[in-house]
């Protein structure tokens, strides 16, 4: 009797996970597309298109270098001053080792690495964690925590 209960329990768990998996795969694929589009936008030096992957809200949070900034506009301003200001460059961006963990049908946790290649041969790089939420207009980053060298 215990073996039957174990088998039925395993079957039920498998059946329950089959439906959400297709949704999880669709969410993961959509999030991966947002990140790929951000990488392409960065490499075109188009910060506004890069920022399209972020939630355009004053409640967006960004942690970097021991500082917290709030809001979409603050994040854009920070990117502009750091990568497009006098004496700065954007370099070539590559994201690597993306791990997307769906937290539900409308939320995900993403971890990965960023690698920049600058014209002077320097290669700033680091790790990031992102929280994505699904909005009517698609998946957007609502929190970004990036740490690099």
C-alpha atoms as a PDB file:
ATOM      1  CA  UNK A   1       0.000   0.000   0.000  1.00  0.00           C
ATOM      2  CA  UNK A   2       2.860   2.385   0.857  1.00  0.00           C
ATOM      3  CA  UNK A   3       4.490   1.687  -2.530  1.00  0.00           C
ATOM      4  CA  UNK A   4       1.242   2.545  -4.331  1.00  0.00           C
ATOM      5  CA  UNK A   5       0.917   5.784  -2.375  1.00  0.00           C
ATOM      6  CA  UNK A   6       4.520   6.654  -3.200  1.00  0.00           C
ATOM      7  CA  UNK A   7       3.984   5.950  -6.904  1.00  0.00           C
ATOM      8  CA  UNK A   8       0.719   7.914  -6.990  1.00  0.00           C
ATOM      9  CA  UNK A   9       2.338  10.772  -5.090  1.00  0.00           C
ATOM     10  CA  UNK A  10       5.228  10.843  -7.578  1.00  0.00           C
ATOM     11  CA  UNK A  11       2.827  10.724 -10.514  1.00  0.00           C
ATOM     12  CA  UNK A  12       0.751  13.578  -9.075  1.00  0.00           C
ATOM     13  CA  UNK A  13       3.850  15.699  -8.542  1.00  0.00           C
ATOM     14  CA  UNK A  14       4.992  14.991 -12.092  1.00  0.00           C
ATOM     15  CA  UNK A  15       1.566  15.849 -13.516  1.00  0.00           C
ATOM     16  CA  UNK A  16       1.413  19.080 -11.479  1.00  0.00           C
ATOM     17  CA  UNK A  17       4.842  20.178 -12.683  1.00  0.00           C
ATOM     18  CA  UNK A  18       4.126  19.416 -16.354  1.00  0.00           C
ATOM     19  CA  UNK A  19       1.686  22.294 -16.813  1.00  0.00           C
ATOM     20  CA  UNK A  20       3.710  25.011 -15.095  1.00  0.00           C
ATOM     21  CA  UNK A  21       6.877  23.844 -16.882  1.00  0.00           C
ATOM     22  CA  UNK A  22       5.609  25.041 -20.259  1.00  0.00           C
ATOM     23  CA  UNK A  23       4.807  28.405 -18.670  1.00  0.00           C
ATOM     24  CA  UNK A  24       8.195  28.412 -16.958  1.00  0.00           C
ATOM     25  CA  UNK A  25       9.932  27.660 -20.249  1.00  0.00           C
ATOM     26  CA  UNK A  26       8.007  30.448 -21.983  1.00  0.00           C
ATOM     27  CA  UNK A  27       8.853  32.892 -19.187  1.00  0.00           C
ATOM     28  CA  UNK A  28      12.502  31.870 -19.180  1.00  0.00           C
ATOM     29  CA  UNK A  29      12.699  32.225 -22.955  1.00  0.00           C
ATOM     30  CA  UNK A  30      11.083  35.684 -22.865  1.00  0.00           C
ATOM     31  CA  UNK A  31      13.467  36.841 -20.127  1.00  0.00           C
ATOM     32  CA  UNK A  32      16.486  35.511 -22.039  1.00  0.00           C
ATOM     33  CA  UNK A  33      15.259  37.516 -25.061  1.00  0.00           C
ATOM     34  CA  UNK A  34      15.078  40.723 -22.979  1.00  0.00           C
ATOM     35  CA  UNK A  35      18.669  40.186 -21.818  1.00  0.00           C
ATOM     36  CA  UNK A  36      19.885  39.425 -25.352  1.00  0.00           C
ATOM     37  CA  UNK A  37      18.177  42.593 -26.626  1.00  0.00           C
ATOM     38  CA  UNK A  38      19.864  44.580 -23.865  1.00  0.00           C
ATOM     39  CA  UNK A  39      23.261  43.204 -24.869  1.00  0.00           C
ATOM     40  CA  UNK A  40      22.628  44.117 -28.522  1.00  0.00           C
ATOM     41  CA  UNK A  41      21.448  47.619 -27.579  1.00  0.00           C
ATOM     42  CA  UNK A  42      24.523  48.187 -25.399  1.00  0.00           C
ATOM     43  CA  UNK A  43      26.818  47.124 -28.207  1.00  0.00           C
ATOM     44  CA  UNK A  44      25.064  49.633 -30.517  1.00  0.00           C
ATOM     45  CA  UNK A  45      25.700  52.261 -27.795  1.00  0.00           C
ATOM     46  CA  UNK A  46      21.936  52.774 -27.464  1.00  0.00           C
ATOM     47  CA  UNK A  47      21.319  53.264 -23.737  1.00  0.00           C
ATOM     48  CA  UNK A  48      17.632  54.092 -24.173  1.00  0.00           C
ATOM     49  CA  UNK A  49      17.044  50.741 -25.909  1.00  0.00           C
ATOM     50  CA  UNK A  50      19.167  49.023 -23.240  1.00  0.00           C
ATOM     51  CA  UNK A  51      16.973  50.603 -20.550  1.00  0.00           C
ATOM     52  CA  UNK A  52      13.814  49.246 -22.237  1.00  0.00           C
ATOM     53  CA  UNK A  53      14.546  46.027 -20.326  1.00  0.00           C
ATOM     54  CA  UNK A  54      14.042  47.844 -17.022  1.00  0.00           C
ATOM     55  CA  UNK A  55      10.763  48.751 -15.345  1.00  0.00           C
ATOM     56  CA  UNK A  56      10.198  52.423 -16.142  1.00  0.00           C
ATOM     57  CA  UNK A  57       9.208  53.372 -12.612  1.00  0.00           C
ATOM     58  CA  UNK A  58      10.525  55.440  -9.713  1.00  0.00           C
ATOM     59  CA  UNK A  59      10.361  52.156  -7.744  1.00  0.00           C
ATOM     60  CA  UNK A  60      13.056  50.410  -9.826  1.00  0.00           C
ATOM     61  CA  UNK A  61      16.024  49.646  -7.553  1.00  0.00           C
ATOM     62  CA  UNK A  62      19.662  49.306  -8.564  1.00  0.00           C
ATOM     63  CA  UNK A  63      22.465  48.281  -6.208  1.00  0.00           C
ATOM     64  CA  UNK A  64      26.047  48.753  -7.398  1.00  0.00           C
ATOM     65  CA  UNK A  65      29.355  49.712  -5.841  1.00  0.00           C
ATOM     66  CA  UNK A  66      27.891  49.883  -2.345  1.00  0.00           C
ATOM     67  CA  UNK A  67      25.236  52.370  -3.440  1.00  0.00           C
ATOM     68  CA  UNK A  68      21.511  52.144  -4.017  1.00  0.00           C
ATOM     69  CA  UNK A  69      19.749  54.182  -6.655  1.00  0.00           C
ATOM     70  CA  UNK A  70      16.020  54.295  -7.138  1.00  0.00           C
ATOM     71  CA  UNK A  71      14.105  54.935 -10.300  1.00  0.00           C
ATOM     72  CA  UNK A  72      14.447  54.317 -13.997  1.00  0.00           C
ATOM     73  CA  UNK A  73      15.692  57.832 -14.734  1.00  0.00           C
ATOM     74  CA  UNK A  74      18.385  57.608 -12.037  1.00  0.00           C
ATOM     75  CA  UNK A  75      19.607  54.320 -13.541  1.00  0.00           C
ATOM     76  CA  UNK A  76      19.745  55.850 -17.035  1.00  0.00           C
ATOM     77  CA  UNK A  77      21.563  58.931 -15.720  1.00  0.00           C
ATOM     78  CA  UNK A  78      24.091  56.705 -13.912  1.00  0.00           C
ATOM     79  CA  UNK A  79      24.758  54.667 -17.056  1.00  0.00           C
ATOM     80  CA  UNK A  80      25.162  57.843 -19.124  1.00  0.00           C
ATOM     81  CA  UNK A  81      27.637  59.433 -16.710  1.00  0.00           C
ATOM     82  CA  UNK A  82      29.614  56.209 -16.228  1.00  0.00           C
ATOM     83  CA  UNK A  83      29.735  54.997 -19.830  1.00  0.00           C
ATOM     84  CA  UNK A  84      28.986  57.970 -22.073  1.00  0.00           C
ATOM     85  CA  UNK A  85      30.467  60.864 -20.126  1.00  0.00           C
ATOM     86  CA  UNK A  86      33.660  62.633 -21.164  1.00  0.00           C
ATOM     87  CA  UNK A  87      36.583  60.233 -21.194  1.00  0.00           C
ATOM     88  CA  UNK A  88      34.353  57.152 -20.899  1.00  0.00           C
ATOM     89  CA  UNK A  89      33.296  54.473 -23.329  1.00  0.00           C
ATOM     90  CA  UNK A  90      30.694  51.728 -23.332  1.00  0.00           C
ATOM     91  CA  UNK A  91      32.886  48.953 -24.677  1.00  0.00           C
ATOM     92  CA  UNK A  92      31.523  45.650 -25.920  1.00  0.00           C
ATOM     93  CA  UNK A  93      29.177  43.849 -23.514  1.00  0.00           C
ATOM     94  CA  UNK A  94      28.698  40.128 -23.177  1.00  0.00           C
ATOM     95  CA  UNK A  95      26.451  38.357 -20.683  1.00  0.00           C
ATOM     96  CA  UNK A  96      27.420  34.824 -19.674  1.00  0.00           C
ATOM     97  CA  UNK A  97      26.316  31.931 -17.471  1.00  0.00           C
ATOM     98  CA  UNK A  98      22.701  33.065 -17.251  1.00  0.00           C
ATOM     99  CA  UNK A  99      20.634  31.115 -14.743  1.00  0.00           C
ATOM    100  CA  UNK A 100      16.943  31.927 -14.810  1.00  0.00           C
ATOM    101  CA  UNK A 101      14.815  30.658 -11.948  1.00  0.00           C
ATOM    102  CA  UNK A 102      11.097  31.192 -12.306  1.00  0.00           C
ATOM    103  CA  UNK A 103       9.574  32.183  -8.956  1.00  0.00           C
ATOM    104  CA  UNK A 104       6.038  31.989 -10.303  1.00  0.00           C
ATOM    105  CA  UNK A 105       4.131  32.867 -13.468  1.00  0.00           C
ATOM    106  CA  UNK A 106       4.951  36.573 -13.115  1.00  0.00           C
ATOM    107  CA  UNK A 107       8.323  36.689 -11.323  1.00  0.00           C
ATOM    108  CA  UNK A 108      11.840  35.396 -11.893  1.00  0.00           C
ATOM    109  CA  UNK A 109      15.302  35.521 -10.342  1.00  0.00           C
ATOM    110  CA  UNK A 110      18.244  35.767 -12.754  1.00  0.00           C
ATOM    111  CA  UNK A 111      21.942  35.355 -12.029  1.00  0.00           C
ATOM    112  CA  UNK A 112      24.815  35.792 -14.414  1.00  0.00           C
ATOM    113  CA  UNK A 113      28.055  37.437 -15.356  1.00  0.00           C
ATOM    114  CA  UNK A 114      28.824  40.545 -17.376  1.00  0.00           C
ATOM    115  CA  UNK A 115      32.017  41.086 -19.334  1.00  0.00           C
ATOM    116  CA  UNK A 116      33.013  44.363 -20.954  1.00  0.00           C
ATOM    117  CA  UNK A 117      35.843  44.673 -23.453  1.00  0.00           C
ATOM    118  CA  UNK A 118      37.187  48.195 -23.754  1.00  0.00           C
ATOM    119  CA  UNK A 119      39.230  49.668 -26.603  1.00  0.00           C
ATOM    120  CA  UNK A 120      42.270  50.006 -24.320  1.00  0.00           C
ATOM    121  CA  UNK A 121      42.238  46.254 -23.642  1.00  0.00           C
ATOM    122  CA  UNK A 122      40.742  46.503 -20.149  1.00  0.00           C
ATOM    123  CA  UNK A 123      38.060  43.940 -19.361  1.00  0.00           C
ATOM    124  CA  UNK A 124      35.795  45.012 -16.517  1.00  0.00           C
ATOM    125  CA  UNK A 125      33.619  42.128 -15.412  1.00  0.00           C
ATOM    126  CA  UNK A 126      31.412  41.019 -12.571  1.00  0.00           C
ATOM    127  CA  UNK A 127      28.311  39.273 -11.345  1.00  0.00           C
ATOM    128  CA  UNK A 128      24.692  40.342 -11.283  1.00  0.00           C
ATOM    129  CA  UNK A 129      21.380  39.279  -9.856  1.00  0.00           C
ATOM    130  CA  UNK A 130      18.138  40.531 -11.342  1.00  0.00           C
ATOM    131  CA  UNK A 131      14.530  40.313 -10.284  1.00  0.00           C
ATOM    132  CA  UNK A 132      12.126  40.284 -13.229  1.00  0.00           C
ATOM    133  CA  UNK A 133       8.365  40.834 -13.134  1.00  0.00           C
ATOM    134  CA  UNK A 134       5.907  40.236 -15.912  1.00  0.00           C
ATOM    135  CA  UNK A 135       3.885  43.301 -16.870  1.00  0.00           C
ATOM    136  CA  UNK A 136       1.221  43.706 -19.575  1.00  0.00           C
ATOM    137  CA  UNK A 137       3.971  44.994 -21.910  1.00  0.00           C
ATOM    138  CA  UNK A 138       6.343  42.116 -21.120  1.00  0.00           C
ATOM    139  CA  UNK A 139       9.073  41.078 -18.689  1.00  0.00           C
ATOM    140  CA  UNK A 140      11.000  43.901 -17.019  1.00  0.00           C
ATOM    141  CA  UNK A 141      13.833  44.121 -14.503  1.00  0.00           C
ATOM    142  CA  UNK A 142      12.515  45.594 -11.239  1.00  0.00           C
ATOM    143  CA  UNK A 143      15.745  45.141  -9.256  1.00  0.00           C
ATOM    144  CA  UNK A 144      19.372  44.929 -10.389  1.00  0.00           C
ATOM    145  CA  UNK A 145      22.294  44.155  -8.102  1.00  0.00           C
ATOM    146  CA  UNK A 146      25.589  44.264  -9.991  1.00  0.00           C
ATOM    147  CA  UNK A 147      29.065  43.892  -8.564  1.00  0.00           C
ATOM    148  CA  UNK A 148      32.159  44.124 -10.680  1.00  0.00           C
ATOM    149  CA  UNK A 149      35.852  44.712 -10.921  1.00  0.00           C
END
